[in-house]
Structure formats: structure tokens, C-alpha cells
N, C-alpha and C. Protein backbone atom coordinates (compact mmCIF):
# COMPACT_ATOMS: atom_id res chain seq x y z
N MET A 1 21.89 102.57 15.80
CA MET A 1 21.65 102.63 17.08
C MET A 1 20.18 102.67 17.35
N PRO A 2 19.71 101.75 18.32
CA PRO A 2 18.25 101.68 18.42
C PRO A 2 17.72 103.00 19.06
N GLN A 3 16.49 103.33 18.59
CA GLN A 3 15.82 104.44 19.18
C GLN A 3 14.90 104.02 20.33
N GLN A 4 14.89 104.68 21.38
CA GLN A 4 14.01 104.35 22.48
C GLN A 4 13.26 105.48 22.94
N ARG A 5 12.02 105.17 23.19
CA ARG A 5 11.12 106.17 23.81
C ARG A 5 10.62 105.57 25.05
N GLY A 6 10.55 106.36 26.06
CA GLY A 6 10.14 105.76 27.38
C GLY A 6 8.62 105.95 27.50
N PRO A 7 8.18 105.81 28.79
CA PRO A 7 6.77 106.05 29.05
C PRO A 7 6.34 107.45 28.91
N THR A 8 7.28 108.44 28.92
CA THR A 8 6.96 109.80 28.91
C THR A 8 6.50 110.16 27.58
N CYS A 9 6.78 109.47 26.51
CA CYS A 9 6.42 109.73 25.10
C CYS A 9 4.97 109.38 24.96
N PRO A 10 4.28 110.18 24.16
CA PRO A 10 2.76 109.72 23.98
C PRO A 10 2.51 108.38 23.30
N ASN A 11 3.35 107.93 22.42
CA ASN A 11 3.18 106.76 21.72
C ASN A 11 3.73 105.52 22.47
N HIS A 12 4.56 105.64 23.40
CA HIS A 12 5.15 104.58 24.19
C HIS A 12 5.78 103.47 23.34
N LEU A 13 6.56 103.88 22.40
CA LEU A 13 7.22 102.95 21.45
C LEU A 13 8.66 102.84 21.82
N ILE A 14 9.19 101.56 21.54
CA ILE A 14 10.57 101.25 21.75
C ILE A 14 11.01 100.56 20.55
N PHE A 15 12.00 101.05 19.81
CA PHE A 15 12.59 100.49 18.76
C PHE A 15 13.86 99.73 19.01
N ILE A 16 13.93 98.63 18.72
CA ILE A 16 15.20 97.78 18.98
C ILE A 16 15.66 97.22 17.72
N ASP A 17 17.08 97.37 17.45
CA ASP A 17 17.73 96.71 16.32
C ASP A 17 18.09 95.36 16.66
N ILE A 18 17.83 94.47 15.83
CA ILE A 18 18.39 93.09 16.03
C ILE A 18 19.17 92.66 14.79
N ALA A 19 20.33 92.30 15.09
CA ALA A 19 21.25 91.82 14.05
C ALA A 19 21.09 90.24 13.85
N VAL A 20 20.89 89.78 12.69
CA VAL A 20 20.69 88.35 12.43
C VAL A 20 21.77 88.05 11.40
N GLU A 21 22.53 87.01 11.72
CA GLU A 21 23.51 86.46 10.75
C GLU A 21 23.14 85.24 10.12
N VAL A 22 23.10 85.29 8.91
CA VAL A 22 22.72 84.11 8.02
C VAL A 22 23.90 83.50 7.39
N ILE A 23 23.96 82.25 7.68
CA ILE A 23 25.08 81.47 7.14
C ILE A 23 24.55 80.44 6.09
N THR A 24 25.19 80.67 4.91
CA THR A 24 24.82 79.72 3.73
C THR A 24 26.05 78.84 3.42
N ILE A 25 25.65 77.67 3.09
CA ILE A 25 26.74 76.69 2.69
C ILE A 25 26.68 76.51 1.26
N ALA A 26 27.74 76.70 0.53
CA ALA A 26 27.85 76.50 -0.88
C ALA A 26 27.60 75.09 -1.32
N PRO A 27 27.08 74.78 -2.40
CA PRO A 27 26.84 73.37 -2.76
C PRO A 27 28.18 72.49 -2.70
N SER A 28 29.25 73.10 -3.03
CA SER A 28 30.60 72.47 -3.07
C SER A 28 31.01 72.02 -1.63
N GLN A 29 30.56 72.79 -0.58
CA GLN A 29 30.99 72.55 0.76
C GLN A 29 30.05 71.43 1.40
N ARG A 30 28.95 71.09 0.87
CA ARG A 30 28.00 70.19 1.45
C ARG A 30 28.64 68.79 1.19
N THR A 31 28.27 67.86 2.06
CA THR A 31 28.83 66.53 1.97
C THR A 31 28.17 65.84 0.64
N PRO A 32 29.00 65.43 -0.22
CA PRO A 32 28.35 64.93 -1.49
C PRO A 32 27.56 63.74 -1.52
N ASN A 33 28.03 62.77 -0.63
CA ASN A 33 27.36 61.55 -0.46
C ASN A 33 26.51 61.39 0.72
N ALA A 34 25.87 62.40 1.11
CA ALA A 34 24.99 62.48 2.26
C ALA A 34 23.89 61.38 2.09
N GLU A 35 23.68 60.58 3.06
CA GLU A 35 22.66 59.42 3.14
C GLU A 35 21.42 60.06 3.33
N PRO A 36 20.31 59.86 2.60
CA PRO A 36 18.99 60.36 2.85
C PRO A 36 18.48 59.62 4.10
N LYS A 37 17.54 60.40 4.76
CA LYS A 37 17.06 59.79 5.97
C LYS A 37 16.35 58.57 5.76
N LYS A 38 16.60 57.58 6.56
CA LYS A 38 16.10 56.23 6.46
C LYS A 38 14.62 56.28 7.03
N ARG A 39 13.71 55.93 6.34
CA ARG A 39 12.28 55.82 6.79
C ARG A 39 11.93 54.41 7.03
N ARG A 40 11.12 54.13 8.08
CA ARG A 40 10.61 52.83 8.24
C ARG A 40 9.60 52.49 7.17
N PRO A 41 9.51 51.17 6.79
CA PRO A 41 8.64 50.78 5.82
C PRO A 41 7.18 51.07 6.13
N ALA A 42 6.42 51.39 5.09
CA ALA A 42 4.90 51.67 5.30
C ALA A 42 4.25 50.41 5.72
N THR A 43 3.16 50.55 6.44
CA THR A 43 2.42 49.29 6.80
C THR A 43 1.15 49.26 6.16
N THR A 44 0.66 50.36 5.40
CA THR A 44 -0.51 50.25 4.60
C THR A 44 -0.27 50.80 3.27
N ALA A 45 -1.04 50.45 2.30
CA ALA A 45 -1.04 50.90 0.93
C ALA A 45 -0.99 52.49 0.78
N GLU A 46 -1.85 53.09 1.66
CA GLU A 46 -1.95 54.49 1.66
C GLU A 46 -0.64 55.14 2.06
N ALA A 47 -0.10 54.64 3.26
CA ALA A 47 1.09 55.17 3.69
C ALA A 47 2.30 54.97 2.69
N ARG A 48 2.25 53.92 2.07
CA ARG A 48 3.26 53.60 1.00
C ARG A 48 3.22 54.57 -0.16
N GLU A 49 1.92 54.89 -0.51
CA GLU A 49 1.70 55.74 -1.58
C GLU A 49 2.29 57.29 -1.14
N ASN A 50 1.90 57.59 0.09
CA ASN A 50 2.34 58.82 0.66
C ASN A 50 3.85 58.90 0.67
N GLN A 51 4.54 57.80 1.08
CA GLN A 51 5.96 57.83 1.03
C GLN A 51 6.59 58.06 -0.46
N MET A 52 5.93 57.40 -1.38
CA MET A 52 6.40 57.61 -2.71
C MET A 52 6.26 58.93 -3.29
N ILE A 53 4.99 59.49 -2.90
CA ILE A 53 4.81 60.94 -3.28
C ILE A 53 5.84 61.83 -2.69
N SER A 54 6.16 61.61 -1.40
CA SER A 54 7.09 62.44 -0.68
C SER A 54 8.47 62.33 -1.33
N ARG A 55 8.90 61.11 -1.68
CA ARG A 55 10.17 61.03 -2.38
C ARG A 55 10.21 61.65 -3.68
N ALA A 56 8.99 61.45 -4.43
CA ALA A 56 9.06 62.20 -5.80
C ALA A 56 9.10 63.72 -5.62
N VAL A 57 8.48 64.33 -4.65
CA VAL A 57 8.65 65.79 -4.48
C VAL A 57 9.89 66.10 -4.06
N ASP A 58 10.57 65.32 -3.12
CA ASP A 58 11.95 65.56 -2.69
C ASP A 58 12.86 65.56 -3.88
N LEU A 59 12.75 64.58 -4.82
CA LEU A 59 13.65 64.49 -6.01
C LEU A 59 13.37 65.73 -6.92
N ALA A 60 12.10 66.01 -7.11
CA ALA A 60 11.83 67.20 -7.89
C ALA A 60 12.43 68.49 -7.41
N GLU A 61 12.35 68.54 -6.14
CA GLU A 61 12.96 69.76 -5.48
C GLU A 61 14.45 69.91 -5.70
N LYS A 62 15.14 68.71 -5.54
CA LYS A 62 16.56 68.56 -5.77
C LYS A 62 16.83 69.06 -7.19
N GLN A 63 16.03 68.49 -8.14
CA GLN A 63 16.31 68.79 -9.52
C GLN A 63 16.08 70.29 -9.85
N LEU A 64 15.03 70.95 -9.18
CA LEU A 64 14.85 72.29 -9.44
C LEU A 64 15.95 73.19 -8.83
N ILE A 65 16.45 72.77 -7.73
CA ILE A 65 17.61 73.51 -7.09
C ILE A 65 18.81 73.36 -7.86
N LYS A 66 19.09 72.23 -8.46
CA LYS A 66 20.37 71.95 -9.28
C LYS A 66 20.19 72.57 -10.65
N GLY A 67 19.00 72.81 -11.04
CA GLY A 67 18.74 73.27 -12.38
C GLY A 67 18.72 72.16 -13.42
N THR A 68 18.51 70.97 -12.99
CA THR A 68 18.45 69.82 -13.94
C THR A 68 16.97 69.25 -14.14
N ALA A 69 16.02 69.98 -13.57
CA ALA A 69 14.67 69.45 -13.81
C ALA A 69 14.08 69.57 -15.23
N SER A 70 13.41 68.46 -15.63
CA SER A 70 12.81 68.50 -16.99
C SER A 70 11.73 69.55 -17.08
N SER A 71 11.43 69.84 -18.30
CA SER A 71 10.30 70.80 -18.58
C SER A 71 9.01 70.29 -18.05
N GLN A 72 8.68 68.97 -17.93
CA GLN A 72 7.54 68.39 -17.34
C GLN A 72 7.44 68.68 -15.76
N VAL A 73 8.57 68.61 -15.18
CA VAL A 73 8.56 68.83 -13.78
C VAL A 73 8.26 70.18 -13.47
N ILE A 74 9.04 71.14 -14.26
CA ILE A 74 8.84 72.61 -14.09
C ILE A 74 7.34 73.02 -14.38
N THR A 75 6.78 72.53 -15.36
CA THR A 75 5.44 72.85 -15.87
C THR A 75 4.43 72.37 -14.75
N HIS A 76 4.70 71.21 -14.15
CA HIS A 76 3.81 70.60 -13.18
C HIS A 76 3.73 71.50 -11.96
N PHE A 77 4.81 71.98 -11.47
CA PHE A 77 4.89 72.88 -10.34
C PHE A 77 4.45 74.25 -10.59
N LEU A 78 4.53 74.69 -11.90
CA LEU A 78 4.07 76.07 -12.21
C LEU A 78 2.48 75.98 -12.23
N LYS A 79 1.95 74.84 -12.75
CA LYS A 79 0.53 74.68 -12.79
C LYS A 79 0.03 74.61 -11.30
N LEU A 80 0.63 74.01 -10.36
CA LEU A 80 0.21 74.05 -8.97
C LEU A 80 0.08 75.47 -8.43
N ALA A 81 0.79 76.28 -9.00
CA ALA A 81 0.87 77.72 -8.34
C ALA A 81 -0.28 78.59 -8.95
N THR A 82 -0.95 78.14 -9.97
CA THR A 82 -1.88 78.98 -10.66
C THR A 82 -3.12 79.22 -9.85
N VAL A 83 -3.88 80.27 -10.13
CA VAL A 83 -5.15 80.48 -9.50
C VAL A 83 -6.20 79.44 -9.86
N ARG A 84 -6.12 79.04 -11.00
CA ARG A 84 -7.11 77.98 -11.59
C ARG A 84 -6.97 76.74 -10.78
N GLU A 85 -5.73 76.30 -10.55
CA GLU A 85 -5.54 75.13 -9.73
C GLU A 85 -6.08 75.19 -8.38
N GLY A 86 -5.93 76.34 -7.80
CA GLY A 86 -6.49 76.61 -6.39
C GLY A 86 -7.99 76.56 -6.48
N LEU A 87 -8.57 77.09 -7.48
CA LEU A 87 -10.01 77.02 -7.49
C LEU A 87 -10.53 75.51 -7.83
N GLU A 88 -9.79 74.85 -8.63
CA GLU A 88 -10.24 73.46 -8.86
C GLU A 88 -10.11 72.70 -7.58
N ARG A 89 -9.02 72.93 -6.77
CA ARG A 89 -8.85 72.16 -5.51
C ARG A 89 -10.00 72.53 -4.69
N LYS A 90 -10.48 73.77 -4.54
CA LYS A 90 -11.60 74.20 -3.73
C LYS A 90 -12.84 73.59 -4.22
N LYS A 91 -13.01 73.53 -5.46
CA LYS A 91 -14.25 72.85 -6.04
C LYS A 91 -14.32 71.36 -5.75
N LEU A 92 -13.16 70.68 -5.81
CA LEU A 92 -13.13 69.33 -5.38
C LEU A 92 -13.46 69.15 -3.97
N GLU A 93 -12.92 70.01 -3.07
CA GLU A 93 -13.30 70.03 -1.63
C GLU A 93 -14.72 70.04 -1.42
N ARG A 94 -15.36 71.03 -2.06
CA ARG A 94 -16.83 71.22 -1.97
C ARG A 94 -17.58 70.16 -2.45
N GLU A 95 -17.18 69.53 -3.50
CA GLU A 95 -17.81 68.39 -4.08
C GLU A 95 -17.84 67.24 -3.12
N ASN A 96 -16.59 67.01 -2.48
CA ASN A 96 -16.57 65.94 -1.48
C ASN A 96 -17.45 66.18 -0.35
N GLU A 97 -17.53 67.56 0.12
CA GLU A 97 -18.43 67.86 1.24
C GLU A 97 -19.93 67.60 0.89
N LEU A 98 -20.24 67.90 -0.42
CA LEU A 98 -21.60 67.68 -0.91
C LEU A 98 -21.94 66.17 -0.96
N LEU A 99 -21.00 65.32 -1.38
CA LEU A 99 -21.22 63.87 -1.44
C LEU A 99 -21.36 63.39 -0.01
N ALA A 100 -20.56 63.89 0.91
CA ALA A 100 -20.74 63.39 2.32
C ALA A 100 -22.10 63.83 2.82
N ALA A 101 -22.63 65.03 2.49
CA ALA A 101 -23.84 65.32 2.95
C ALA A 101 -25.06 64.57 2.38
N LYS A 102 -24.87 64.19 1.03
CA LYS A 102 -25.78 63.34 0.38
C LYS A 102 -25.85 61.98 1.03
N VAL A 103 -24.73 61.43 1.32
CA VAL A 103 -24.66 60.05 1.99
C VAL A 103 -25.34 60.19 3.38
N GLU A 104 -25.09 61.27 4.07
CA GLU A 104 -25.68 61.47 5.44
C GLU A 104 -27.24 61.62 5.27
N SER A 105 -27.69 62.32 4.21
CA SER A 105 -29.09 62.47 3.90
C SER A 105 -29.79 61.15 3.67
N ILE A 106 -29.12 60.39 2.83
CA ILE A 106 -29.69 59.13 2.49
C ILE A 106 -29.89 58.19 3.69
N ALA A 107 -28.76 58.14 4.56
CA ALA A 107 -28.79 57.35 5.81
C ALA A 107 -29.89 57.84 6.79
N SER A 108 -30.13 59.24 6.78
CA SER A 108 -31.10 59.77 7.55
C SER A 108 -32.49 59.37 7.12
N GLY A 109 -32.62 59.37 5.76
CA GLY A 109 -33.98 59.05 5.18
C GLY A 109 -34.36 57.64 5.42
N ALA A 110 -33.36 56.72 5.40
CA ALA A 110 -33.57 55.37 5.72
C ALA A 110 -34.00 55.17 7.06
N ARG A 111 -33.38 55.97 8.01
CA ARG A 111 -33.79 55.83 9.43
C ARG A 111 -35.22 56.43 9.63
N VAL A 112 -35.60 57.46 8.96
CA VAL A 112 -36.89 58.10 9.13
C VAL A 112 -37.90 57.04 8.62
N GLU A 113 -37.56 56.34 7.45
CA GLU A 113 -38.49 55.46 6.92
C GLU A 113 -38.69 54.23 7.83
N GLU A 114 -37.65 53.88 8.52
CA GLU A 114 -37.77 52.78 9.53
C GLU A 114 -38.53 53.19 10.70
N LEU A 115 -38.44 54.49 11.13
CA LEU A 115 -39.31 55.10 12.22
C LEU A 115 -40.78 55.02 11.80
N TYR A 116 -41.09 55.53 10.60
CA TYR A 116 -42.47 55.61 10.11
C TYR A 116 -43.01 54.18 10.14
N SER A 117 -42.36 53.19 9.70
CA SER A 117 -42.75 51.87 9.60
C SER A 117 -43.07 51.28 11.07
N ASP A 118 -42.21 51.60 12.01
CA ASP A 118 -42.53 51.15 13.43
C ASP A 118 -43.65 51.86 13.98
N ALA A 119 -43.83 53.20 13.56
CA ALA A 119 -45.08 53.89 14.14
C ALA A 119 -46.35 53.37 13.53
N ILE A 120 -46.30 52.97 12.17
CA ILE A 120 -47.47 52.48 11.64
C ILE A 120 -47.82 51.22 12.24
N THR A 121 -46.86 50.29 12.54
CA THR A 121 -47.00 48.99 13.09
C THR A 121 -47.61 49.21 14.58
N ALA A 122 -47.05 50.15 15.31
CA ALA A 122 -47.58 50.47 16.56
C ALA A 122 -49.03 50.84 16.54
N MET A 123 -49.37 51.73 15.63
CA MET A 123 -50.66 52.27 15.56
C MET A 123 -51.74 51.17 15.17
N ARG A 124 -51.26 50.18 14.32
CA ARG A 124 -52.14 49.05 13.95
C ARG A 124 -52.44 48.19 15.28
N GLY A 125 -51.40 48.09 16.13
CA GLY A 125 -51.74 47.32 17.33
C GLY A 125 -52.66 48.09 18.27
N TYR A 126 -52.64 49.45 18.22
CA TYR A 126 -53.63 50.17 19.11
C TYR A 126 -55.12 50.01 18.58
N VAL A 127 -55.17 50.08 17.14
CA VAL A 127 -56.52 49.94 16.46
C VAL A 127 -57.07 48.55 16.77
N GLY A 128 -56.23 47.59 16.89
CA GLY A 128 -56.70 46.19 16.97
C GLY A 128 -56.53 45.42 15.81
N GLY A 129 -55.74 45.89 14.89
CA GLY A 129 -55.36 45.17 13.71
C GLY A 129 -54.28 44.20 13.91
N ASP A 130 -54.01 43.34 13.03
CA ASP A 130 -52.96 42.30 13.13
C ASP A 130 -51.56 42.97 13.00
N ILE A 131 -50.67 42.66 13.87
CA ILE A 131 -49.46 43.13 13.85
C ILE A 131 -48.50 42.08 13.12
N GLU A 132 -47.91 42.59 11.96
CA GLU A 132 -47.00 41.62 11.26
C GLU A 132 -45.67 41.96 11.56
N GLU A 133 -44.92 40.92 12.01
CA GLU A 133 -43.63 41.16 12.37
C GLU A 133 -42.70 40.73 11.26
N ASP A 134 -41.86 41.61 10.89
CA ASP A 134 -40.78 41.33 9.83
C ASP A 134 -39.63 40.70 10.39
N ASP A 135 -39.26 39.51 9.92
CA ASP A 135 -38.08 38.83 10.48
C ASP A 135 -37.01 38.90 9.45
């Protein structure tokens, strides 16, 4: 029976019991020849690769549930769950961020160099020197 406290109680708490019914279907009651969801064909190589990865993970999940997964499949997913794998993944993400920053820095440096060149050319024009135009 739920306990209720009204506004007169100092804590103003109301406890409510909620009953939840969970229905499970035994493997023998499932439709044996259930058709997998039809997916439309991928339009790019990356999308195709993602579809294949998704199918491989789905198959591995089915094998793990049925207990027919090979030791390689089990080991693969156990490795994914380790702390080391998480750290390696973070390291790769940080390395990617660093590479993106380096590319941005190089592009910025090229732009600064171009601005310096334009400034020097403009100053030569003010001094009365010959302005050389690069075509």
C-alpha cells in the first residue's frame, strides 16, 4: 500500500507504488522464420560500410544470445568493454582534434603570409618603389 504524506508533513513526500508487468517471449514462441527488416541500398561507399558493420553486429548479437558465438566474437566484444579500449578511443579522438588544429594553423599561417606579402607590396607603392604584380 502506498504511503502518502500531505502538505502538513515537514518533508512533503508522497510515495506511490507502481506495478509493472514484464512479458517475455520464450525463444520457442518467437516466429522462427521472421524476415529481417529490409533496408534500402546504400548510395555511398561509407553508407554501405556502415550497413555491413550494422549487419555484422546484429549477427554477433544473435550468436551471443543463442550461445553459438565463436571465441573470437566473444573476445572482440570483451575487449571493447575494457578500460584500455576506452582510453585508446579517447586518445584517437584527441589525436584527430590535434590534427584538425594543425591543419587550421597551417591554413591560417598561409593566410597571414599572404597578408604580409600584400602589406609589403602596398608599402613599396607608398615609398615609390616598383610594384611587382604576381600573376
